[in-house]
Protein backbone atom coordinates (compact mmCIF):
# COMPACT_ATOMS: atom_id res chain seq x y z
CA UNK A 1 -21.51 49.09 39.60
CA UNK A 2 -23.81 49.33 37.60
CA UNK A 3 -24.48 47.93 33.89
CA UNK A 4 -25.69 50.50 32.40
CA UNK A 5 -22.50 52.20 33.28
CA UNK A 6 -19.91 49.88 32.32
CA UNK A 7 -21.67 49.82 28.98
CA UNK A 8 -21.73 52.86 28.41
CA UNK A 9 -17.57 53.59 29.19
CA UNK A 10 -17.20 49.85 26.83
CA UNK A 11 -18.94 52.43 23.55
CA UNK A 12 -17.34 55.41 24.84
CA UNK A 13 -13.75 53.71 24.48
CA UNK A 14 -15.21 51.54 21.41
CA UNK A 15 -16.22 54.63 19.17
CA UNK A 16 -13.20 56.40 20.08
CA UNK A 17 -11.10 53.48 18.88
CA UNK A 18 -13.35 52.38 15.95
CA UNK A 19 -12.71 55.55 14.66
CA UNK A 20 -9.27 56.83 16.07
CA UNK A 21 -10.92 60.22 17.21
CA UNK A 22 -10.78 61.47 20.61
CA UNK A 23 -13.82 61.25 23.11
CA UNK A 24 -16.66 63.99 22.75
CA UNK A 25 -17.66 63.12 26.45
CA UNK A 26 -15.40 62.09 29.08
CA UNK A 27 -18.00 62.79 31.98
CA UNK A 28 -17.37 58.77 33.33
CA UNK A 29 -13.64 58.70 33.54
CA UNK A 30 -11.58 58.06 35.34
CA UNK A 31 -13.12 54.78 36.07
CA UNK A 32 -12.81 52.58 39.61
CA UNK A 33 -10.59 49.34 39.09
CA UNK A 34 -13.36 46.90 39.02
CA UNK A 35 -15.12 48.96 36.08
CA UNK A 36 -11.85 48.75 33.86
CA UNK A 37 -11.61 45.15 34.79
CA UNK A 38 -15.49 44.97 33.62
CA UNK A 39 -14.36 46.76 30.46
CA UNK A 40 -11.17 44.14 30.02
CA UNK A 41 -13.86 41.01 30.45
CA UNK A 42 -16.46 42.66 28.32
CA UNK A 43 -13.83 43.35 25.32
CA UNK A 44 -12.84 39.66 26.00
CA UNK A 45 -16.46 38.20 25.23
CA UNK A 46 -17.09 41.16 22.50
CA UNK A 47 -13.71 39.99 20.72
CA UNK A 48 -12.99 43.86 20.11
CA UNK A 49 -9.67 43.44 22.57
CA UNK A 50 -7.53 45.45 20.23
CA UNK A 51 -9.89 48.27 19.41
CA UNK A 52 -11.04 49.11 22.94
CA UNK A 53 -7.03 49.56 23.65
CA UNK A 54 -6.46 52.31 20.30
CA UNK A 55 -9.79 53.80 22.33
CA UNK A 56 -7.84 54.27 25.64
CA UNK A 57 -4.67 55.73 24.03
CA UNK A 58 -7.03 58.54 23.31
CA UNK A 59 -7.57 58.94 27.09
CA UNK A 60 -5.95 61.65 29.25
CA UNK A 61 -3.32 60.28 31.88
CA UNK A 62 -5.53 60.68 34.63
CA UNK A 63 -8.05 58.46 32.93
CA UNK A 64 -5.68 55.45 32.45
CA UNK A 65 -6.34 51.76 33.46
CA UNK A 66 -4.64 50.56 36.28
CA UNK A 67 -0.98 50.02 35.15
CA UNK A 68 -1.09 45.78 35.73
CA UNK A 69 -4.43 45.91 33.72
CA UNK A 70 -3.15 47.77 31.16
CA UNK A 71 -0.10 45.15 31.23
CA UNK A 72 -2.49 42.27 30.92
CA UNK A 73 -4.35 44.20 28.33
CA UNK A 74 -0.86 45.29 26.01
CA UNK A 75 0.12 41.21 26.16
CA UNK A 76 -3.36 40.45 24.74
CA UNK A 77 -3.04 42.96 22.07
CA UNK A 78 0.68 41.55 21.06
CA UNK A 79 -1.16 38.30 21.09
CA UNK A 80 -4.05 39.56 18.76
CA UNK A 81 -1.73 41.04 16.23
CA UNK A 82 0.86 37.68 16.21
CA UNK A 83 -2.10 35.87 15.37
CA UNK A 84 -3.13 38.60 12.57
CA UNK A 85 0.81 38.23 10.98
CA UNK A 86 0.47 34.71 11.14
CA UNK A 87 -3.02 34.37 9.35
CA UNK A 88 -2.07 36.49 6.48
CA UNK A 89 1.20 34.79 6.44
CA UNK A 90 -1.01 31.55 6.30
CA UNK A 91 -3.16 33.07 3.61
CA UNK A 92 -0.31 33.90 1.08
CA UNK A 93 0.58 30.26 1.17
CA UNK A 94 -2.70 28.85 0.87
CA UNK A 95 -3.25 30.88 -2.35
CA UNK A 96 0.56 30.20 -3.17
CA UNK A 97 0.22 26.57 -2.76
CA UNK A 98 -3.15 25.99 -4.17
CA UNK A 99 -4.60 29.01 -6.44
CA UNK A 100 -2.71 27.76 -9.58
CA UNK A 101 -4.19 24.63 -9.34
CA UNK A 102 -7.48 26.07 -10.45
CA UNK A 103 -9.78 28.88 -10.34
CA UNK A 104 -8.70 31.19 -7.40
CA UNK A 105 -11.16 30.96 -4.21
CA UNK A 106 -12.33 34.44 -3.14
CA UNK A 107 -11.42 35.16 0.96
CA UNK A 108 -14.44 36.20 2.92
CA UNK A 109 -14.93 38.55 5.44
CA UNK A 110 -12.27 38.11 7.97
CA UNK A 111 -8.43 39.43 6.95
CA UNK A 112 -10.51 41.16 3.94
CA UNK A 113 -12.59 43.07 5.91
CA UNK A 114 -9.29 44.23 8.16
CA UNK A 115 -8.30 46.06 5.38
CA UNK A 116 -11.36 48.75 6.09
CA UNK A 117 -9.94 49.46 9.73
CA UNK A 118 -7.37 51.99 10.38
CA UNK A 119 -5.20 49.77 11.99
CA UNK A 120 -5.97 46.53 10.83
CA UNK A 121 -3.80 43.95 13.08
CA UNK A 122 -6.27 45.48 15.80
CA UNK A 123 -8.83 43.35 14.75
CA UNK A 124 -9.20 40.45 16.49
CA UNK A 125 -9.54 37.28 13.39
CA UNK A 126 -11.47 34.01 13.76
CA UNK A 127 -10.65 31.81 10.86
CA UNK A 128 -10.33 31.48 7.32
CA UNK A 129 -13.57 31.16 5.30
CA UNK A 130 -12.45 30.43 1.46
CA UNK A 131 -15.57 30.72 -1.55
CA UNK A 132 -15.01 28.51 -4.12
CA UNK A 133 -16.94 28.94 -7.35
CA UNK A 134 -15.61 25.84 -8.41
CA UNK A 135 -16.17 22.84 -6.36
CA UNK A 136 -14.04 20.40 -8.20
CA UNK A 137 -11.02 22.75 -7.11
CA UNK A 138 -12.43 22.92 -3.39
CA UNK A 139 -12.40 18.88 -3.15
CA UNK A 140 -9.29 18.77 -4.30
CA UNK A 141 -7.66 20.68 -1.86
CA UNK A 142 -9.84 19.03 0.39
CA UNK A 143 -8.58 15.67 -0.96
CA UNK A 144 -4.70 17.13 -0.78
CA UNK A 145 -5.19 17.57 2.61
CA UNK A 146 -6.70 14.53 3.72
CA UNK A 147 -3.53 13.07 1.90
CA UNK A 148 -1.57 14.55 3.95
CA UNK A 149 -2.95 13.43 7.13
CA UNK A 150 -5.03 16.02 7.89
CA UNK A 151 -9.15 15.57 9.02
CA UNK A 152 -11.67 17.53 7.05
CA UNK A 153 -14.98 17.58 8.29
CA UNK A 154 -18.01 18.14 6.29
CA UNK A 155 -21.18 19.58 6.98
CA UNK A 156 -24.62 19.61 5.89
CA UNK A 157 -24.79 22.68 4.07
CA UNK A 158 -21.61 21.45 2.19
CA UNK A 159 -19.23 23.47 3.41
CA UNK A 160 -15.98 21.70 4.66
CA UNK A 161 -13.48 22.36 7.72
CA UNK A 162 -10.25 21.80 8.51
CA UNK A 163 -6.53 22.68 10.70
CA UNK A 164 -4.24 24.23 8.56
CA UNK A 165 -0.42 25.33 9.71
CA UNK A 166 -2.54 25.77 12.94
CA UNK A 167 -5.13 28.29 11.56
CA UNK A 168 -9.15 27.10 11.01
CA UNK A 169 -9.87 26.96 7.41
CA UNK A 170 -13.56 26.78 5.89
CA UNK A 171 -14.77 25.97 2.23
CA UNK A 172 -17.90 27.54 1.33
CA UNK A 173 -20.12 26.67 -1.60
CA UNK A 174 -21.86 29.38 -1.07
CA UNK A 175 -21.10 32.85 -0.84
CA UNK A 176 -24.38 34.33 1.01
CA UNK A 177 -25.72 33.67 4.06
CA UNK A 178 -29.27 33.09 2.50
CA UNK A 179 -31.46 30.62 3.42
CA UNK A 180 -34.46 31.15 1.28
CA UNK A 181 -34.12 29.53 -1.93
CA UNK A 182 -36.06 31.82 -3.92
CA UNK A 183 -33.79 34.67 -3.13
CA UNK A 184 -30.78 32.31 -4.89
CA UNK A 185 -30.64 32.47 -8.30
CA UNK A 186 -30.72 36.33 -7.67
CA UNK A 187 -28.20 36.46 -5.58
CA UNK A 188 -25.71 34.77 -8.08
CA UNK A 189 -27.04 37.38 -10.54
CA UNK A 190 -25.48 39.99 -8.20
CA UNK A 191 -22.09 37.73 -7.94
CA UNK A 192 -21.68 37.92 -11.71
CA UNK A 193 -22.58 41.13 -11.67
CA UNK A 194 -20.30 42.43 -9.16
CA UNK A 195 -17.69 40.59 -8.88
CA UNK A 196 -14.50 40.93 -7.15
CA UNK A 197 -11.17 42.72 -6.54
CA UNK A 198 -7.08 41.52 -5.93
CA UNK A 199 -6.25 43.43 -2.35
CA UNK A 200 -2.57 42.68 -0.43
CA UNK A 201 -3.86 41.96 2.92
CA UNK A 202 -0.23 42.79 4.61
CA UNK A 203 2.30 45.24 3.82
CA UNK A 204 4.81 42.10 3.97
CA UNK A 205 3.76 40.24 1.22
CA UNK A 206 3.44 41.53 -2.24
CA UNK A 207 0.78 39.01 -3.62
CA UNK A 208 -2.86 39.68 -4.28
CA UNK A 209 -6.20 37.98 -2.91
CA UNK A 210 -9.10 37.90 -4.43
CA UNK A 211 -12.52 39.52 -2.14
CA UNK A 212 -15.64 40.09 -2.52
CA UNK A 213 -15.91 43.74 -4.62
CA UNK A 214 -17.24 46.36 -2.38
CA UNK A 215 -21.24 46.09 -3.23
CA UNK A 216 -21.30 42.06 -2.80
CA UNK A 217 -18.87 42.38 0.98
CA UNK A 218 -21.55 45.03 1.77
CA UNK A 219 -24.46 42.42 1.36
CA UNK A 220 -22.43 39.59 2.82
CA UNK A 221 -21.73 40.93 6.07
CA UNK A 222 -25.27 42.39 6.14
CA UNK A 223 -26.58 38.54 5.67
CA UNK A 224 -24.11 37.22 7.68
CA UNK A 225 -24.52 39.23 11.04
CA UNK A 226 -28.67 38.65 10.29
CA UNK A 227 -28.14 35.05 10.28
CA UNK A 228 -25.76 34.98 13.69
CA UNK A 229 -28.60 37.64 15.04
CA UNK A 230 -31.41 35.32 13.92
CA UNK A 231 -29.68 32.46 15.54
CA UNK A 232 -27.00 32.29 18.41
CA UNK A 233 -26.67 35.23 18.50
CA UNK A 234 -24.09 38.44 17.15
CA UNK A 235 -20.97 40.25 18.78
CA UNK A 236 -19.75 43.51 18.80
CA UNK A 237 -16.82 42.73 16.22
CA UNK A 238 -19.12 41.68 13.52
CA UNK A 239 -20.93 45.20 13.33
CA UNK A 240 -18.00 47.15 13.66
CA UNK A 241 -16.91 45.01 10.66
CA UNK A 242 -20.08 45.93 9.08
CA UNK A 243 -19.80 49.77 9.85
CA UNK A 244 -15.77 50.43 8.93
CA UNK A 245 -17.01 48.68 5.60
CA UNK A 246 -19.24 50.99 5.14
CA UNK A 247 -17.78 54.06 5.81
CA UNK A 248 -14.53 52.85 3.70
CA UNK A 249 -16.58 51.89 0.95
CA UNK A 250 -18.82 55.00 0.74
CA UNK A 251 -18.13 56.26 -2.16
CA UNK A 252 -17.94 53.25 -4.39
CA UNK A 253 -21.45 51.76 -3.74
CA UNK A 254 -24.95 52.79 -5.94
CA UNK A 255 -26.77 53.63 -2.74
CA UNK A 256 -30.31 53.08 -4.89
CA UNK A 257 -28.80 49.71 -6.28
CA UNK A 258 -28.17 48.57 -2.79
CA UNK A 259 -31.41 49.77 -1.45
CA UNK A 260 -33.13 47.90 -4.68
CA UNK A 261 -31.25 44.32 -3.83
CA UNK A 262 -31.85 44.92 -0.01
CA UNK A 263 -35.75 45.75 -1.16
CA UNK A 264 -35.64 42.22 -3.34
CA UNK A 265 -34.09 40.19 0.15
CA UNK A 266 -36.75 41.63 2.33
CA UNK A 267 -34.37 43.51 4.44
CA UNK A 268 -35.72 46.69 4.91
CA UNK A 269 -36.93 46.49 8.58
CA UNK A 270 -33.91 45.16 9.27
CA UNK A 271 -31.90 47.59 7.32
CA UNK A 272 -33.43 50.02 9.64
CA UNK A 273 -32.66 48.57 12.68
CA UNK A 274 -29.24 47.79 11.68
CA UNK A 275 -28.53 51.43 10.56
CA UNK A 276 -29.76 52.70 13.71
CA UNK A 277 -27.60 50.63 15.67
CA UNK A 278 -24.49 51.79 13.37
CA UNK A 279 -25.16 55.33 14.51
CA UNK A 280 -26.77 55.18 17.81
CA UNK A 281 -24.08 52.58 19.06
CA UNK A 282 -21.36 52.73 17.14
CA UNK A 283 -21.01 56.52 16.14
CA UNK A 284 -20.88 56.03 12.32
CA UNK A 285 -21.54 59.49 10.59
CA UNK A 286 -24.93 60.12 9.35
CA UNK A 287 -24.77 61.87 7.03
CA UNK A 288 -22.79 58.99 5.22
CA UNK A 289 -26.16 56.82 5.27
CA UNK A 290 -27.54 55.99 2.09
CA UNK A 291 -30.67 57.79 2.25
CA UNK A 292 -32.66 54.96 3.78
CA UNK A 293 -34.34 55.12 6.97
CA UNK A 294 -33.44 54.66 10.61
CA UNK A 295 -35.42 52.72 13.30
CA UNK A 296 -36.62 55.41 16.11
CA UNK A 297 -34.19 52.58 18.33
CA UNK A 298 -31.10 50.09 18.31
CA UNK A 299 -32.41 48.58 21.20
CA UNK A 300 -33.63 45.13 20.04
CA UNK A 301 -30.19 44.34 18.38
CA UNK A 302 -28.05 45.78 21.35
CA UNK A 303 -30.19 43.72 23.94
CA UNK A 304 -28.97 40.52 21.69
CA UNK A 305 -25.13 41.70 21.15
CA UNK A 306 -25.03 42.17 24.61
CA UNK A 307 -26.38 38.80 26.22
CA UNK A 308 -24.56 36.64 23.45
CA UNK A 309 -21.40 38.10 22.67
CA UNK A 310 -19.24 36.80 20.05
CA UNK A 311 -21.58 34.74 17.67
CA UNK A 312 -23.60 34.13 20.74
CA UNK A 313 -20.82 32.18 22.68
CA UNK A 314 -20.54 33.99 25.61
CA UNK A 315 -24.25 32.81 26.87
CA UNK A 316 -22.88 29.29 25.35
CA UNK A 317 -20.39 29.46 28.25
CA UNK A 318 -23.31 28.77 30.72
CA UNK A 319 -23.18 25.46 29.50
CA UNK A 320 -21.06 23.06 31.60
CA UNK A 321 -17.73 21.97 29.69
CA UNK A 322 -18.39 18.31 29.66
CA UNK A 323 -22.50 19.26 27.69
CA UNK A 324 -22.76 16.88 24.72
CA UNK A 325 -23.02 17.76 21.28
CA UNK A 326 -27.12 17.32 21.57
CA UNK A 327 -27.19 19.97 24.59
CA UNK A 328 -25.28 22.10 22.57
CA UNK A 329 -27.72 21.76 19.10
CA UNK A 330 -30.53 22.27 21.56
CA UNK A 331 -28.99 25.68 23.39
CA UNK A 332 -28.62 27.00 19.49
CA UNK A 333 -32.45 25.57 19.00
CA UNK A 334 -33.10 27.55 22.30
CA UNK A 335 -31.39 30.61 21.54
CA UNK A 336 -33.06 30.94 17.95
CA UNK A 337 -36.57 30.15 19.85
CA UNK A 338 -36.26 33.41 21.96
CA UNK A 339 -35.36 35.36 19.27
CA UNK A 340 -38.51 34.27 17.05
CA UNK A 341 -40.95 37.41 17.39
CA UNK A 342 -37.44 39.48 16.70
CA UNK A 343 -37.26 37.43 13.75
CA UNK A 344 -40.65 37.76 12.07
CA UNK A 345 -39.92 41.50 12.37
CA UNK A 346 -37.13 42.24 11.49
CA UNK A 347 -36.98 39.23 8.29
CA UNK A 348 -40.02 37.34 7.74
CA UNK A 349 -38.30 36.55 4.54
CA UNK A 350 -35.91 34.61 5.73
CA UNK A 351 -36.43 33.36 9.24
CA UNK A 352 -39.06 30.32 8.09
CA UNK A 353 -36.19 28.86 5.54
CA UNK A 354 -33.77 29.18 8.10
CA UNK A 355 -35.93 27.92 11.13
CA UNK A 356 -35.46 24.49 8.58
CA UNK A 357 -32.09 24.59 8.17
CA UNK A 358 -31.59 24.27 12.07
CA UNK A 359 -33.86 21.26 12.28
CA UNK A 360 -32.03 19.75 9.80
CA UNK A 361 -28.73 20.52 11.53
CA UNK A 362 -27.35 23.07 8.90
CA UNK A 363 -27.00 26.06 10.90
CA UNK A 364 -23.66 26.51 12.17
C-alpha cells in the first residue's frame, strides 16, 4: 500500500485521538486489513498507540479495524494504562521518601505533561526525569540508591541514571536542553522569574508534585524537541505533547514575553516550522497561535519524524542487536550530520555548541 495513504490515515486517527473529536474527513476509510497492520506498527514506532486507539473510537462501526488486530490494540493500550499508573505510584513514593530530605526535585515532561491530555493514561510514558535545583540533594539520593545496591550510571553532562522500583529515573542538573553556554545565564533568569507549580498527577493520590510553570514547561518542551530533532531524531509523541501543552496553557502564558524569549534564544525560524507542524500535521487550532508566523510547510520536520520515530529509535533499530557502543555512537553522529543543513537553517545559534557536546560524548 502507498506510504502516503498510510500516513494520511494515521494522521486522521491521530488528530481525532489527540483532540478527542470526530474526523472531518473519512474518505480514506474503511481500510484494508494490511493497512491496519501498518497503522498499528507505525503507532508503536511513534509511541502514540493509545492516542490512535482513542481516535479509532470515533470511527463508525463499518470502519473499525479487524477484530483480531483490535484485540491486540486493546491489550497494548491496557499495558500503557497500567504502566502509567505504576509510574504515578513510583513518583508519589519518590516524593514521600526523598522530598523531605532536601529541596523538592522538579518533575520534567513525562507525567506532568500527561495532565495536558484529555485522557492522560493513554499517553505512553518513558522514564522519569527530575531536575534538582540543589546538587547536594541529588547526590544524597544517588548515594542512598547505591547503598541499596542499585547501580548508578553517570553521564558526561552531569546527569545520572538508575532503575528504581522497575522504572528508569534520571537526575538532571539543568532544566533546559540548551547547549549554547551564552544562553544559560538568561535561562536561569527565566527559571527564577517563572518558577514552579504543584499538581496532582493522579486521582488515586492526594500528593502534590512540583513541575515547571506553564511558561517554563512550553520552553522546556520546545528545546527538548529541538535537541532531538537536530540529533538522532524525534517522534510524534513529543510533538503531541507540545500541541497539548500549548492548548492547555494558552490562557496562562504571556505571548509577547514568550516570543521575546524565543527571539533571544534564536528560535524564531525553528518556531515557525514547529507551529506549521502543530497546525498542519496535528490539527492544532490556528486561532490559538500566539501571533507568530508559520512556515509555508511542515515538510522538513515531518520527514524527520517519519524517518526516525520515537527519538530516532526506529532508525536505530536498523543496527544489528550486537552493534557495539562505538557503532551506536557513530550512528548518532551520522544522524546529526545528516541533519546538518536543517540544523543550520533552523537553529544556527545552537547547532555548533550541540555538535561540540556530541563530539565529547555528551549527547544523550
